[in-house]
Amino acid sequence: MRSTLLNRPVLFAVVACLAAVVGLPSSPVAQQGEKRPSMRPLAPADVRVLERGEQQPPSAGTLDRSARPGSEADEKLQANQGDDEPQGINIYARMGVPLPDLPPEAEYKGPLDEAYGAFQRGFFLTAVDKALPRAQLGDPAAQTLLAELMDRGLGIKKDLKGAAFWYGQAAAGGDPAAMFKYAMLLMEGRTVPRDKAKADEYMRKAADAGNSSAQFNWAQTLVADNPGQKGLSMALPYYEKAADNGIADAQYAVAQIYESLKDISEEKRAKARYWLDRAARAGFDTAQLDIGIWLINGIAGERDYEEGFRWLKVAANRGNVVAQNRLSHLYINALGTRPDPIEAAKWYVLSRRAGLKDPALEDFYLGLTDEEQKQAIDAANKFRRR
């Protein structure tokens, strides 16, 4: 049975530490709606460089219309801003988002467990009947299974406090999945009293025992508690283990650390793009955005405009606002694709509605004819995340 992530710290700790170590701005990505650092648009003199940061948003639900008051297309752009427009996910917004599915588990060749077998076949009442007596006798694996059944209300009435009790018993007995789950409960402080020291102890033990979600979370804790190079160095082995086990967030963190830190070996630095590509393929849209920009700019490898365009379009179609903005630039400058002013304007409209200002794109949009603006707005209105 796999353990799933209930909640976790977010990757801003890694970004902040990397920024402090290599001298970058301390908050390159901010949550939608929060104050963001300003960002220069794609410079006309160097159209082959894309920047990663976001731009300062306008007031929620507004569009700066001062440049062309009374434009029919502008009126329609303002009128068609709906509450369901894509808001884009970024590093900060991933708090509480479930981790991607873990890779397939190796074939189990140990002794058969009737309780777990019943659980895996969906016979939850049988699983409860098989697990309860063993749990009462102190079997950590049975205690973990019983806690999972109670936590999810499978074959037994949902009982979060009862689940917390059995997770605690199993954690004390050394079950890695239970130690991870109980550490999360201790951090949340809802069904058991909050206890950071005990949570850290169980998270570390679960990570050292091979639980991949615990490895990622323990790495996050080390970065948060030990700012700068020290924390990143302490956390990197745990990020690497979690990355090897298929955790997309860890793969992203490893890529950023490999590419940014000066003391990383050349062998590891050469794999930065590999890990970012792995995270992108796992569906992490921030990684999809970054791998697109890395490919366009030639970061950690050769330039590949077509592949960079493809990744930015994937992220844009998933609702990543920064990717939508950058995709507009690619359409304008014909990087990795043919020039297409309507598509460029469509993606600008979508990113602008979500709060990204971009003077260069604003000038481009206002330079279109009213008919072209109307086509772009119609295309934006039909957009649905994929």
Protein backbone atom coordinates (compact mmCIF):
# COMPACT_ATOMS: atom_id res chain seq x y z
CA MET A 1 0.00 0.00 0.00
CA ARG A 2 1.40 3.38 -0.98
CA SER A 3 1.37 6.34 1.32
CA THR A 4 0.01 9.52 -0.20
CA LEU A 5 0.89 13.05 0.68
CA LEU A 6 -1.65 14.73 2.92
CA ASN A 7 0.01 18.14 2.85
CA ARG A 8 3.53 19.44 2.53
CA PRO A 9 5.74 22.53 2.65
CA VAL A 10 6.14 24.22 -0.72
CA LEU A 11 9.16 24.67 -2.93
CA PHE A 12 9.61 28.37 -2.19
CA ALA A 13 12.14 27.41 0.49
CA VAL A 14 14.39 25.91 -2.18
CA VAL A 15 13.95 28.92 -4.47
CA ALA A 16 14.65 31.37 -1.64
CA CYS A 17 17.80 29.52 -0.57
CA LEU A 18 19.07 29.28 -4.13
CA ALA A 19 18.40 32.98 -4.59
CA ALA A 20 20.35 33.84 -1.47
CA VAL A 21 23.27 31.61 -2.42
CA VAL A 22 23.64 32.64 -6.06
CA GLY A 23 22.52 36.24 -5.67
CA LEU A 24 19.18 36.09 -7.46
CA PRO A 25 16.03 37.97 -6.42
CA SER A 26 14.65 36.37 -3.28
CA SER A 27 11.18 35.67 -4.65
CA PRO A 28 11.23 34.88 -8.37
CA VAL A 29 7.76 33.37 -8.33
CA ALA A 30 4.85 34.60 -6.25
CA GLN A 31 1.37 33.28 -5.73
CA GLN A 32 -1.38 34.58 -7.97
CA GLY A 33 -2.77 37.73 -6.39
CA GLU A 34 0.28 38.45 -4.22
CA LYS A 35 2.71 41.27 -4.88
CA ARG A 36 5.28 40.11 -7.38
CA PRO A 37 8.69 41.47 -8.29
CA SER A 38 8.70 43.44 -11.52
CA MET A 39 9.97 41.69 -14.63
CA ARG A 40 11.21 43.09 -17.90
CA PRO A 41 9.38 41.94 -21.03
CA LEU A 42 11.12 40.18 -23.87
CA ALA A 43 13.60 42.79 -25.05
CA PRO A 44 13.35 43.72 -28.74
CA ALA A 45 17.15 43.88 -28.94
CA ASP A 46 17.50 40.29 -27.71
CA VAL A 47 14.43 38.39 -28.75
CA ARG A 48 16.12 35.06 -28.11
CA VAL A 49 16.14 35.42 -24.33
CA LEU A 50 13.11 34.61 -22.21
CA GLU A 51 12.94 35.56 -18.55
CA ARG A 52 11.48 33.38 -15.84
CA GLY A 53 9.85 35.77 -13.36
CA GLU A 54 6.32 37.09 -13.28
CA GLN A 55 5.15 40.66 -13.61
CA GLN A 56 3.32 43.02 -11.34
CA PRO A 57 -0.43 42.30 -11.51
CA PRO A 58 -3.09 44.98 -11.84
CA SER A 59 -5.99 45.23 -9.46
CA ALA A 60 -8.05 42.05 -9.55
CA GLY A 61 -10.50 41.86 -12.42
CA THR A 62 -9.33 45.07 -14.16
CA LEU A 63 -7.59 45.90 -17.38
CA ASP A 64 -5.57 49.05 -17.99
CA ARG A 65 -7.47 50.71 -20.83
CA SER A 66 -5.89 54.16 -20.68
CA ALA A 67 -3.81 53.61 -23.82
CA ARG A 68 -6.83 53.28 -26.02
CA PRO A 69 -10.05 54.41 -24.35
CA GLY A 70 -13.29 53.44 -25.98
CA SER A 71 -11.90 50.73 -28.24
CA GLU A 72 -14.63 48.23 -29.13
CA ALA A 73 -12.25 45.31 -28.82
CA ASP A 74 -10.99 46.63 -25.49
CA GLU A 75 -14.56 46.92 -24.21
CA LYS A 76 -15.15 43.29 -25.12
CA LEU A 77 -11.89 42.23 -23.50
CA GLN A 78 -13.01 43.92 -20.29
CA ALA A 79 -16.52 42.52 -20.47
CA ASN A 80 -15.43 38.95 -21.07
CA GLN A 81 -13.26 38.63 -17.97
CA GLY A 82 -14.97 35.83 -16.09
CA ASP A 83 -14.45 34.33 -12.67
CA ASP A 84 -13.43 31.06 -14.25
CA GLU A 85 -10.45 32.38 -16.19
CA PRO A 86 -7.27 30.32 -15.81
CA GLN A 87 -5.22 31.44 -12.84
CA GLY A 88 -2.09 29.39 -13.40
CA ILE A 89 -0.33 27.21 -10.87
CA ASN A 90 3.11 28.11 -9.62
CA ILE A 91 5.43 26.88 -6.93
CA TYR A 92 3.62 28.59 -4.07
CA ALA A 93 0.21 27.38 -5.18
CA ARG A 94 1.21 23.73 -4.89
CA MET A 95 0.69 23.57 -1.13
CA GLY A 96 -1.68 20.69 -0.45
CA VAL A 97 -1.71 19.49 -4.06
CA PRO A 98 -1.33 15.69 -4.18
CA LEU A 99 1.96 14.35 -5.44
CA PRO A 100 2.00 12.56 -8.81
CA ASP A 101 1.50 8.81 -8.69
CA LEU A 102 4.58 6.90 -7.63
CA PRO A 103 6.31 4.57 -10.10
CA PRO A 104 5.08 0.95 -10.23
CA GLU A 105 6.09 -0.99 -7.16
CA ALA A 106 8.47 -3.90 -7.45
CA GLU A 107 6.87 -7.32 -7.40
CA TYR A 108 6.31 -8.41 -3.79
CA LYS A 109 7.89 -11.78 -3.03
CA GLY A 110 7.50 -11.85 0.74
CA PRO A 111 4.89 -13.69 2.80
CA LEU A 112 1.28 -13.08 1.83
CA ASP A 113 -0.70 -10.69 4.04
CA GLU A 114 -4.40 -11.56 4.03
CA ALA A 115 -5.47 -8.16 5.37
CA TYR A 116 -3.57 -6.22 2.72
CA GLY A 117 -4.66 -8.68 0.06
CA ALA A 118 -8.30 -8.05 0.93
CA PHE A 119 -7.68 -4.29 0.89
CA GLN A 120 -6.05 -4.41 -2.55
CA ARG A 121 -8.98 -6.42 -3.94
CA GLY A 122 -11.50 -3.96 -2.49
CA PHE A 123 -12.83 -6.30 0.23
CA PHE A 124 -12.67 -3.63 2.91
CA LEU A 125 -14.87 -5.33 5.51
CA THR A 126 -12.64 -8.39 5.28
CA ALA A 127 -9.57 -6.18 5.53
CA VAL A 128 -10.92 -4.65 8.75
CA ASP A 129 -11.71 -8.09 10.19
CA LYS A 130 -8.22 -9.35 9.34
CA ALA A 131 -6.32 -6.24 10.45
CA LEU A 132 -8.07 -5.40 13.73
CA PRO A 133 -6.96 -8.42 15.79
CA ARG A 134 -3.38 -8.05 14.60
CA ALA A 135 -3.42 -4.30 15.26
CA GLN A 136 -4.59 -4.92 18.82
CA LEU A 137 -1.68 -7.32 19.28
CA GLY A 138 0.79 -4.62 18.21
CA ASP A 139 1.46 -5.46 14.53
CA PRO A 140 2.63 -2.10 12.97
CA ALA A 141 1.67 -3.09 9.42
CA ALA A 142 -1.85 -4.04 10.49
CA GLN A 143 -2.11 -0.85 12.56
CA THR A 144 -1.18 1.22 9.50
CA LEU A 145 -3.76 -0.57 7.37
CA LEU A 146 -6.46 -0.14 10.00
CA ALA A 147 -5.60 3.57 10.29
CA GLU A 148 -5.86 3.95 6.51
CA LEU A 149 -9.26 2.23 6.47
CA MET A 150 -10.55 4.44 9.29
CA ASP A 151 -9.07 7.57 7.73
CA ARG A 152 -10.88 6.91 4.46
CA GLY A 153 -14.02 5.30 5.86
CA LEU A 154 -13.52 2.02 4.01
CA GLY A 155 -15.28 -0.96 5.55
CA ILE A 156 -15.64 0.99 8.76
CA LYS A 157 -17.07 4.32 9.84
CA LYS A 158 -14.75 7.23 9.07
CA ASP A 159 -12.96 8.16 12.27
CA LEU A 160 -10.09 10.64 11.95
CA LYS A 161 -9.18 10.54 15.63
CA GLY A 162 -9.23 6.76 15.64
CA ALA A 163 -7.06 6.75 12.51
CA ALA A 164 -4.62 9.15 14.18
CA PHE A 165 -4.38 6.82 17.18
CA TRP A 166 -3.50 3.81 15.03
CA TYR A 167 -1.08 5.83 12.89
CA GLY A 168 0.62 6.84 16.14
CA GLN A 169 0.82 3.25 17.34
CA ALA A 170 2.22 2.06 14.01
CA ALA A 171 4.70 4.95 13.87
CA ALA A 172 5.97 4.05 17.33
CA GLY A 173 6.36 0.50 16.02
CA GLY A 174 8.57 1.71 13.16
CA ASP A 175 6.30 1.42 10.10
CA PRO A 176 7.67 3.96 7.52
CA ALA A 177 4.30 4.82 5.96
CA ALA A 178 2.76 5.37 9.38
CA MET A 179 5.70 7.50 10.53
CA PHE A 180 5.18 9.74 7.51
CA LYS A 181 1.42 9.97 8.02
CA TYR A 182 1.74 10.62 11.74
CA ALA A 183 4.42 13.26 11.16
CA MET A 184 2.00 15.11 8.89
CA LEU A 185 -0.73 14.89 11.54
CA LEU A 186 1.67 16.26 14.16
CA MET A 187 2.52 19.16 11.84
CA GLU A 188 -1.13 19.93 11.10
CA GLY A 189 -2.23 19.74 14.72
CA ARG A 190 -5.89 18.96 14.00
CA THR A 191 -6.48 15.42 15.25
CA VAL A 192 -3.42 15.31 17.51
CA PRO A 193 -1.63 18.14 19.34
CA ARG A 194 0.86 19.99 17.17
CA ASP A 195 4.43 18.89 17.93
CA LYS A 196 7.11 19.99 15.46
CA ALA A 197 9.98 18.26 17.20
CA LYS A 198 8.20 14.91 17.20
CA ALA A 199 6.99 15.47 13.65
CA ASP A 200 10.55 16.12 12.50
CA GLU A 201 11.78 13.02 14.26
CA TYR A 202 9.22 10.77 12.57
CA MET A 203 9.68 12.47 9.20
CA ARG A 204 13.44 11.91 9.35
CA LYS A 205 13.01 8.28 10.39
CA ALA A 206 10.49 7.65 7.61
CA ALA A 207 12.81 9.29 5.08
CA ASP A 208 15.77 7.22 6.23
CA ALA A 209 13.58 4.12 6.00
CA GLY A 210 12.92 4.85 2.32
CA ASN A 211 9.51 6.53 2.24
CA SER A 212 9.73 8.81 -0.81
CA SER A 213 7.14 11.36 0.31
CA ALA A 214 8.93 11.63 3.64
CA GLN A 215 12.24 12.10 1.84
CA PHE A 216 10.85 15.08 -0.04
CA ASN A 217 9.23 16.60 3.04
CA TRP A 218 12.32 16.09 5.20
CA ALA A 219 14.41 17.81 2.54
CA GLN A 220 11.97 20.73 2.61
CA THR A 221 12.28 20.92 6.38
CA LEU A 222 16.08 20.93 6.22
CA VAL A 223 16.04 23.78 3.69
CA ALA A 224 13.55 25.80 5.75
CA ASP A 225 15.42 25.28 9.03
CA ASN A 226 18.92 25.81 7.61
CA PRO A 227 18.98 28.77 5.20
CA GLY A 228 21.60 29.01 2.50
CA GLN A 229 24.21 26.60 1.19
CA LYS A 230 24.19 24.47 4.35
CA GLY A 231 20.50 23.64 4.14
CA LEU A 232 20.64 22.87 0.42
CA SER A 233 23.64 20.59 0.92
CA MET A 234 21.90 18.77 3.78
CA ALA A 235 18.67 18.41 1.83
CA LEU A 236 20.09 17.40 -1.54
CA PRO A 237 20.60 13.67 -0.75
CA TYR A 238 16.94 13.40 0.31
CA TYR A 239 15.74 15.31 -2.75
CA GLU A 240 17.81 12.96 -4.90
CA LYS A 241 16.31 9.86 -3.29
CA ALA A 242 12.78 11.21 -3.69
CA ALA A 243 13.55 12.17 -7.28
CA ASP A 244 14.78 8.66 -8.02
CA ASN A 245 11.49 7.38 -6.59
CA GLY A 246 9.44 9.50 -9.00
CA ILE A 247 8.44 12.53 -6.91
CA ALA A 248 8.08 15.32 -9.48
CA ASP A 249 8.56 18.14 -6.94
CA ALA A 250 11.85 16.58 -5.86
CA GLN A 251 12.96 16.19 -9.47
CA TYR A 252 12.29 19.88 -9.98
CA ALA A 253 14.24 20.79 -6.84
CA VAL A 254 17.20 18.63 -7.88
CA ALA A 255 17.27 20.29 -11.31
CA GLN A 256 17.30 23.77 -9.79
CA ILE A 257 20.03 22.90 -7.28
CA TYR A 258 22.21 21.12 -9.86
CA GLU A 259 22.00 24.08 -12.24
CA SER A 260 22.39 26.88 -9.69
CA LEU A 261 24.89 25.91 -6.98
CA LYS A 262 28.56 26.54 -7.65
CA ASP A 263 29.87 23.59 -5.65
CA ILE A 264 27.92 20.94 -7.59
CA SER A 265 30.08 18.46 -9.49
CA GLU A 266 30.13 18.74 -13.27
CA GLU A 267 28.67 15.25 -13.50
CA LYS A 268 25.60 16.32 -11.55
CA ARG A 269 25.37 19.71 -13.23
CA ALA A 270 25.18 17.91 -16.57
CA LYS A 271 22.01 16.16 -15.36
CA ALA A 272 20.10 19.32 -14.38
CA ARG A 273 18.07 19.40 -17.58
CA TYR A 274 17.45 15.64 -17.33
CA TRP A 275 15.75 16.05 -13.95
CA LEU A 276 13.78 19.09 -15.07
CA ASP A 277 12.58 17.13 -18.08
CA ARG A 278 11.55 14.26 -15.77
CA ALA A 279 9.50 16.65 -13.62
CA ALA A 280 7.90 18.18 -16.71
CA ARG A 281 6.95 14.77 -18.07
CA ALA A 282 5.39 13.91 -14.70
CA GLY A 283 2.96 16.80 -15.19
CA PHE A 284 4.49 19.50 -12.96
CA ASP A 285 3.50 22.61 -14.90
CA THR A 286 6.16 24.83 -13.31
CA ALA A 287 8.77 22.38 -14.58
CA GLN A 288 7.11 22.47 -18.00
CA LEU A 289 7.43 26.25 -17.97
CA ASP A 290 11.07 26.14 -16.90
CA ILE A 291 12.17 23.42 -19.32
CA GLY A 292 10.63 25.46 -22.12
CA ILE A 293 12.60 28.54 -21.08
CA TRP A 294 15.80 26.52 -20.58
CA LEU A 295 15.48 25.09 -24.09
CA ILE A 296 14.79 28.49 -25.64
CA ASN A 297 17.66 30.17 -23.78
CA GLY A 298 20.15 27.28 -23.95
CA ILE A 299 20.37 26.82 -20.17
CA ALA A 300 22.08 23.59 -19.02
CA GLY A 301 22.30 22.40 -22.63
CA GLU A 302 21.86 23.32 -26.25
CA ARG A 303 19.09 25.60 -27.52
CA ASP A 304 16.08 23.86 -29.05
CA TYR A 305 13.44 26.39 -30.05
CA GLU A 306 10.89 23.90 -31.32
CA GLU A 307 11.05 21.72 -28.22
CA GLY A 308 11.02 24.80 -25.99
CA PHE A 309 7.94 26.08 -27.79
CA ARG A 310 6.26 22.69 -27.36
CA TRP A 311 6.81 22.63 -23.60
CA LEU A 312 5.65 26.21 -23.13
CA LYS A 313 2.50 25.42 -25.07
CA VAL A 314 1.86 22.37 -22.88
CA ALA A 315 2.16 24.50 -19.73
CA ALA A 316 0.08 27.29 -21.27
CA ASN A 317 -2.70 24.88 -22.22
CA ARG A 318 -2.72 23.65 -18.61
CA GLY A 319 -3.36 27.20 -17.42
CA ASN A 320 0.12 28.34 -16.39
CA VAL A 321 -0.13 32.12 -16.73
CA VAL A 322 3.59 32.81 -17.14
CA ALA A 323 3.79 30.20 -19.89
CA GLN A 324 0.85 31.84 -21.65
CA ASN A 325 2.69 35.16 -21.54
CA ARG A 326 5.96 33.67 -22.84
CA LEU A 327 4.14 31.75 -25.56
CA SER A 328 2.78 35.03 -26.88
CA HIS A 329 6.35 36.29 -27.28
CA LEU A 330 7.32 33.14 -29.17
CA TYR A 331 4.48 33.58 -31.63
CA ILE A 332 5.45 37.21 -32.20
CA ASN A 333 9.15 36.49 -32.69
CA ALA A 334 8.69 33.17 -34.57
CA LEU A 335 10.80 31.17 -32.12
CA GLY A 336 10.04 27.48 -32.55
CA THR A 337 6.88 28.25 -34.52
CA ARG A 338 5.55 30.34 -37.36
CA PRO A 339 4.56 33.91 -36.52
CA ASP A 340 0.87 34.14 -35.69
CA PRO A 341 -0.46 37.50 -34.42
CA ILE A 342 -3.89 36.11 -33.52
CA GLU A 343 -2.45 33.28 -31.41
CA ALA A 344 0.03 35.71 -29.85
CA ALA A 345 -2.79 38.07 -28.93
CA LYS A 346 -4.95 35.21 -27.61
CA TRP A 347 -2.29 34.07 -25.17
CA TYR A 348 -1.60 37.66 -24.14
CA VAL A 349 -5.31 38.22 -23.45
CA LEU A 350 -5.41 35.11 -21.25
CA SER A 351 -2.30 36.04 -19.28
CA ARG A 352 -3.41 39.67 -18.99
CA ARG A 353 -6.79 38.66 -17.60
CA ALA A 354 -5.00 36.60 -14.97
CA GLY A 355 -2.98 39.62 -13.85
CA LEU A 356 0.29 39.72 -15.80
CA LYS A 357 1.22 43.15 -17.16
CA ASP A 358 3.58 43.26 -20.09
CA PRO A 359 4.11 46.65 -21.79
CA ALA A 360 5.68 45.10 -24.89
CA LEU A 361 2.72 42.77 -25.42
CA GLU A 362 0.28 45.58 -24.61
CA ASP A 363 1.81 47.70 -27.39
CA PHE A 364 1.67 44.72 -29.75
CA TYR A 365 -1.98 44.06 -28.92
CA LEU A 366 -3.03 47.69 -29.33
CA GLY A 367 -1.29 47.76 -32.70
CA LEU A 368 -3.62 45.09 -34.09
CA THR A 369 -6.73 45.97 -36.02
CA ASP A 370 -10.09 45.85 -34.27
CA GLU A 371 -10.94 42.71 -36.26
CA GLU A 372 -7.71 40.99 -35.18
CA GLN A 373 -8.35 41.94 -31.55
CA LYS A 374 -11.87 40.53 -31.83
CA GLN A 375 -10.54 37.24 -33.23
CA ALA A 376 -8.02 36.99 -30.42
CA ILE A 377 -10.65 37.68 -27.75
CA ASP A 378 -13.00 35.11 -29.29
CA ALA A 379 -10.20 32.54 -29.24
CA ALA A 380 -9.38 33.39 -25.61
CA ASN A 381 -13.02 33.04 -24.63
CA LYS A 382 -13.10 29.54 -26.11
CA PHE A 383 -9.95 28.45 -24.27
CA ARG A 384 -10.31 25.58 -21.82
CA ARG A 385 -7.49 24.05 -19.81
CA ARG A 386 -6.31 20.69 -21.08
